[in-house]
């Protein structure tokens, strides 16, 4: 069927998940004192409202809500890191590790560079699967200021096993345009409908033009973006 539609596959379709689960998140417990010392060098007084916690000193800032941790930090060697992307990546992973995010549980998804800012986007992983809605954004500005936007969620539990489609079954059902070139298929979890408590298993089909198409891994239904 795929050949008849001139659909080319440039990735391994033998990675069969077979079964997966829906997953539920809870709010991650951050140590504000540790973060304050990491960013400001000392423990600062905390400003609180019903919606968020804020610490700030000059241009540096820490803001924590139920959904997100935002940090603006003038790091000591920031201007040097701006000149070397490999050193920046190492420093970014170290910074995240200090916050409790291990490199083995992260996937680097994109890198965007300009003369003024270098931007990295990572996605968290759970048991090897990608958590597509749990996106970490890191920006280093040429003046040495590092900005991080980090999801404040962690997987709390999962449901009973459910069957999922194999990558090949998914592609047969996906109705991709004729002549499509599939460069990668990633398995993970995503909220399908706003307001749902659980993330559902999904397949992410990536084409050679970097288009990402998401499908319900249980039904094959294409998800709206």
Protein backbone atom coordinates (compact mmCIF):
# COMPACT_ATOMS: atom_id res chain seq x y z
CA UNK A 1 0.00 0.00 0.00
CA UNK A 2 2.74 2.46 0.92
CA UNK A 3 4.64 1.70 -2.29
CA UNK A 4 1.51 2.26 -4.37
CA UNK A 5 1.31 5.80 -2.96
CA UNK A 6 5.05 6.37 -3.47
CA UNK A 7 5.53 6.86 0.28
CA UNK A 8 9.18 6.41 1.21
CA UNK A 9 10.25 5.20 4.64
CA UNK A 10 13.69 6.29 5.87
CA UNK A 11 13.37 4.96 9.41
CA UNK A 12 13.03 1.69 11.31
CA UNK A 13 9.44 0.46 11.51
CA UNK A 14 10.27 -2.61 13.58
CA UNK A 15 10.07 -0.80 16.93
CA UNK A 16 6.82 -2.32 18.14
CA UNK A 17 5.31 -0.95 21.33
CA UNK A 18 2.37 -3.36 21.44
CA UNK A 19 0.92 -2.10 24.70
CA UNK A 20 1.03 1.20 26.54
CA UNK A 21 -0.90 3.09 29.19
CA UNK A 22 -2.56 6.42 29.68
CA UNK A 23 -0.67 8.57 32.18
CA UNK A 24 -1.66 11.15 34.77
CA UNK A 25 0.48 14.05 36.01
CA UNK A 26 0.85 15.74 39.35
CA UNK A 27 2.67 18.96 40.30
CA UNK A 28 6.43 18.57 40.72
CA UNK A 29 7.84 19.52 44.12
CA UNK A 30 10.66 22.06 43.61
CA UNK A 31 13.01 23.16 46.38
CA UNK A 32 12.70 26.94 46.16
CA UNK A 33 15.56 27.50 48.61
CA UNK A 34 17.95 25.47 46.44
CA UNK A 35 16.80 27.26 43.28
CA UNK A 36 17.22 30.65 44.95
CA UNK A 37 20.80 29.84 45.93
CA UNK A 38 21.47 28.50 42.40
CA UNK A 39 20.21 31.66 40.69
CA UNK A 40 20.90 34.47 43.16
CA UNK A 41 23.71 33.00 45.25
CA UNK A 42 21.63 33.29 48.42
CA UNK A 43 18.16 32.64 49.78
CA UNK A 44 15.82 35.50 48.87
CA UNK A 45 12.45 36.36 50.40
CA UNK A 46 9.56 34.81 48.50
CA UNK A 47 6.62 36.79 47.13
CA UNK A 48 3.49 34.66 46.87
CA UNK A 49 0.04 35.09 45.35
CA UNK A 50 -2.79 32.64 44.76
CA UNK A 51 -1.33 31.82 41.36
CA UNK A 52 2.46 31.89 41.63
CA UNK A 53 5.64 32.26 43.68
CA UNK A 54 8.20 34.90 42.65
CA UNK A 55 11.78 35.67 43.62
CA UNK A 56 13.65 38.47 41.87
CA UNK A 57 16.78 40.56 42.09
CA UNK A 58 17.63 43.02 39.33
CA UNK A 59 17.04 41.29 36.00
CA UNK A 60 17.26 37.83 37.53
CA UNK A 61 13.96 36.15 38.34
CA UNK A 62 12.37 32.88 39.42
CA UNK A 63 8.64 32.34 38.92
CA UNK A 64 6.79 29.14 39.83
CA UNK A 65 3.17 28.26 39.05
CA UNK A 66 1.32 24.95 39.16
CA UNK A 67 2.24 24.42 35.51
CA UNK A 68 5.62 26.01 34.90
CA UNK A 69 8.95 27.08 36.38
CA UNK A 70 10.52 30.12 34.73
CA UNK A 71 14.10 31.16 35.48
CA UNK A 72 16.09 34.16 34.24
CA UNK A 73 19.69 33.77 35.39
CA UNK A 74 22.80 35.79 34.54
CA UNK A 75 25.22 32.88 34.52
CA UNK A 76 28.91 33.52 35.20
CA UNK A 77 30.29 32.17 31.91
CA UNK A 78 27.23 32.93 29.81
CA UNK A 79 29.03 35.09 27.25
CA UNK A 80 31.64 32.36 26.68
CA UNK A 81 28.97 29.67 26.36
CA UNK A 82 27.22 31.78 23.73
CA UNK A 83 30.28 31.33 21.49
CA UNK A 84 30.31 27.51 21.67
CA UNK A 85 27.09 25.54 21.16
CA UNK A 86 28.59 22.27 22.44
CA UNK A 87 29.62 23.91 25.69
CA UNK A 88 26.17 25.50 25.92
CA UNK A 89 24.48 22.10 25.61
CA UNK A 90 26.70 20.63 28.33
CA UNK A 91 25.96 23.58 30.61
CA UNK A 92 22.23 23.35 29.89
CA UNK A 93 22.11 19.65 30.80
CA UNK A 94 24.11 20.35 33.97
CA UNK A 95 21.73 23.18 34.94
CA UNK A 96 18.71 20.94 34.38
CA UNK A 97 20.36 18.11 36.31
CA UNK A 98 20.74 20.46 39.29
CA UNK A 99 16.97 21.03 39.08
CA UNK A 100 16.25 17.28 39.04
CA UNK A 101 15.97 16.67 35.29
CA UNK A 102 18.34 13.89 34.20
CA UNK A 103 19.82 13.94 30.69
CA UNK A 104 18.72 10.34 30.09
CA UNK A 105 15.11 11.48 30.54
CA UNK A 106 15.37 14.33 28.03
CA UNK A 107 15.28 14.46 24.23
CA UNK A 108 16.74 17.41 22.31
CA UNK A 109 14.17 18.27 19.64
CA UNK A 110 15.37 21.52 18.06
CA UNK A 111 18.19 24.05 18.01
CA UNK A 112 17.70 27.60 16.71
CA UNK A 113 20.56 30.08 16.57
CA UNK A 114 20.77 33.78 15.76
CA UNK A 115 23.30 36.54 16.38
CA UNK A 116 21.48 37.53 19.58
CA UNK A 117 20.11 34.30 21.09
CA UNK A 118 20.64 30.55 20.99
CA UNK A 119 17.57 28.43 21.67
CA UNK A 120 17.25 24.76 22.63
CA UNK A 121 13.99 22.84 22.91
CA UNK A 122 13.89 19.56 24.82
CA UNK A 123 11.08 17.15 25.67
CA UNK A 124 10.87 15.02 28.79
CA UNK A 125 10.73 11.24 28.54
CA UNK A 126 8.88 8.68 30.65
CA UNK A 127 10.05 5.07 30.49
CA UNK A 128 11.69 5.90 27.15
CA UNK A 129 8.56 7.46 25.61
CA UNK A 130 8.36 11.17 24.78
CA UNK A 131 6.05 13.44 26.77
CA UNK A 132 5.20 15.79 23.91
CA UNK A 133 3.40 18.35 26.08
CA UNK A 134 6.24 18.52 28.63
CA UNK A 135 8.54 20.85 26.69
CA UNK A 136 11.61 22.57 28.12
CA UNK A 137 12.73 25.78 26.41
CA UNK A 138 16.20 27.19 27.01
CA UNK A 139 17.44 30.49 25.58
CA UNK A 140 20.91 31.95 26.08
CA UNK A 141 21.27 35.61 25.11
CA UNK A 142 24.58 37.04 23.99
CA UNK A 143 24.75 39.21 27.13
CA UNK A 144 24.97 36.02 29.22
CA UNK A 145 21.41 35.83 30.49
CA UNK A 146 19.92 32.34 30.49
CA UNK A 147 16.15 31.90 30.29
CA UNK A 148 14.47 28.60 31.08
CA UNK A 149 10.81 27.61 30.83
CA UNK A 150 10.27 24.22 32.44
CA UNK A 151 7.06 22.21 32.96
CA UNK A 152 6.23 21.80 36.64
CA UNK A 153 4.58 18.41 36.15
CA UNK A 154 5.68 14.86 36.84
CA UNK A 155 4.01 11.55 36.00
CA UNK A 156 1.95 10.43 38.99
CA UNK A 157 0.50 7.14 37.79
CA UNK A 158 -0.66 5.23 34.74
CA UNK A 159 -3.73 3.21 33.84
CA UNK A 160 -4.08 -0.42 32.82
CA UNK A 161 -2.41 -1.54 29.59
CA UNK A 162 -4.08 -0.74 26.28
CA UNK A 163 -3.17 -2.01 22.81
CA UNK A 164 -1.50 0.37 20.38
CA UNK A 165 -0.90 0.25 16.64
CA UNK A 166 2.51 -0.66 15.26
CA UNK A 167 4.30 2.04 13.22
CA UNK A 168 3.50 0.19 9.98
CA UNK A 169 -0.18 -0.19 10.86
CA UNK A 170 -0.29 3.52 11.67
CA UNK A 171 1.25 4.55 8.34
CA UNK A 172 -1.21 2.41 6.39
CA UNK A 173 -4.09 4.16 8.17
CA UNK A 174 -2.54 7.67 8.20
CA UNK A 175 -3.53 8.66 4.64
CA UNK A 176 -0.27 10.55 4.09
CA UNK A 177 -0.02 12.61 0.89
CA UNK A 178 1.39 10.75 -2.11
CA UNK A 179 5.16 11.05 -2.34
CA UNK A 180 5.64 11.66 1.39
CA UNK A 181 9.04 10.80 2.85
CA UNK A 182 8.91 9.60 6.47
CA UNK A 183 12.22 10.24 8.24
CA UNK A 184 11.23 9.28 11.78
CA UNK A 185 8.37 7.93 13.89
CA UNK A 186 8.44 8.60 17.63
CA UNK A 187 6.22 7.09 20.30
CA UNK A 188 5.02 9.13 23.25
CA UNK A 189 2.13 10.67 25.14
CA UNK A 190 0.02 13.75 24.55
CA UNK A 191 -3.20 15.34 25.77
CA UNK A 192 -5.68 14.75 22.95
CA UNK A 193 -8.62 16.84 24.17
CA UNK A 194 -8.36 19.96 26.31
CA UNK A 195 -9.41 19.30 29.89
CA UNK A 196 -8.64 15.58 29.84
CA UNK A 197 -6.90 14.32 32.97
CA UNK A 198 -4.82 11.71 31.16
CA UNK A 199 -2.27 11.83 28.35
CA UNK A 200 -2.95 9.28 25.62
CA UNK A 201 -0.39 7.20 23.67
CA UNK A 202 0.47 8.82 20.32
CA UNK A 203 2.73 8.29 17.33
CA UNK A 204 4.55 11.34 15.94
CA UNK A 205 5.33 10.99 12.22
CA UNK A 206 8.10 13.32 11.03
CA UNK A 207 8.43 14.03 7.30
CA UNK A 208 11.52 15.13 5.39
CA UNK A 209 10.37 18.77 5.48
CA UNK A 210 10.34 18.54 9.33
CA UNK A 211 6.53 18.50 9.46
CA UNK A 212 5.31 16.70 12.58
CA UNK A 213 2.02 14.80 12.38
CA UNK A 214 0.46 13.35 15.54
CA UNK A 215 -1.83 10.32 15.59
CA UNK A 216 -3.72 8.54 18.35
CA UNK A 217 -1.64 5.37 18.78
CA UNK A 218 -4.73 3.37 19.76
CA UNK A 219 -7.11 4.36 16.95
CA UNK A 220 -4.90 5.87 14.22
CA UNK A 221 -6.94 9.08 14.28
CA UNK A 222 -4.99 12.18 13.23
CA UNK A 223 -4.83 14.82 15.95
CA UNK A 224 -5.56 18.49 15.37
CA UNK A 225 -2.60 20.80 15.95
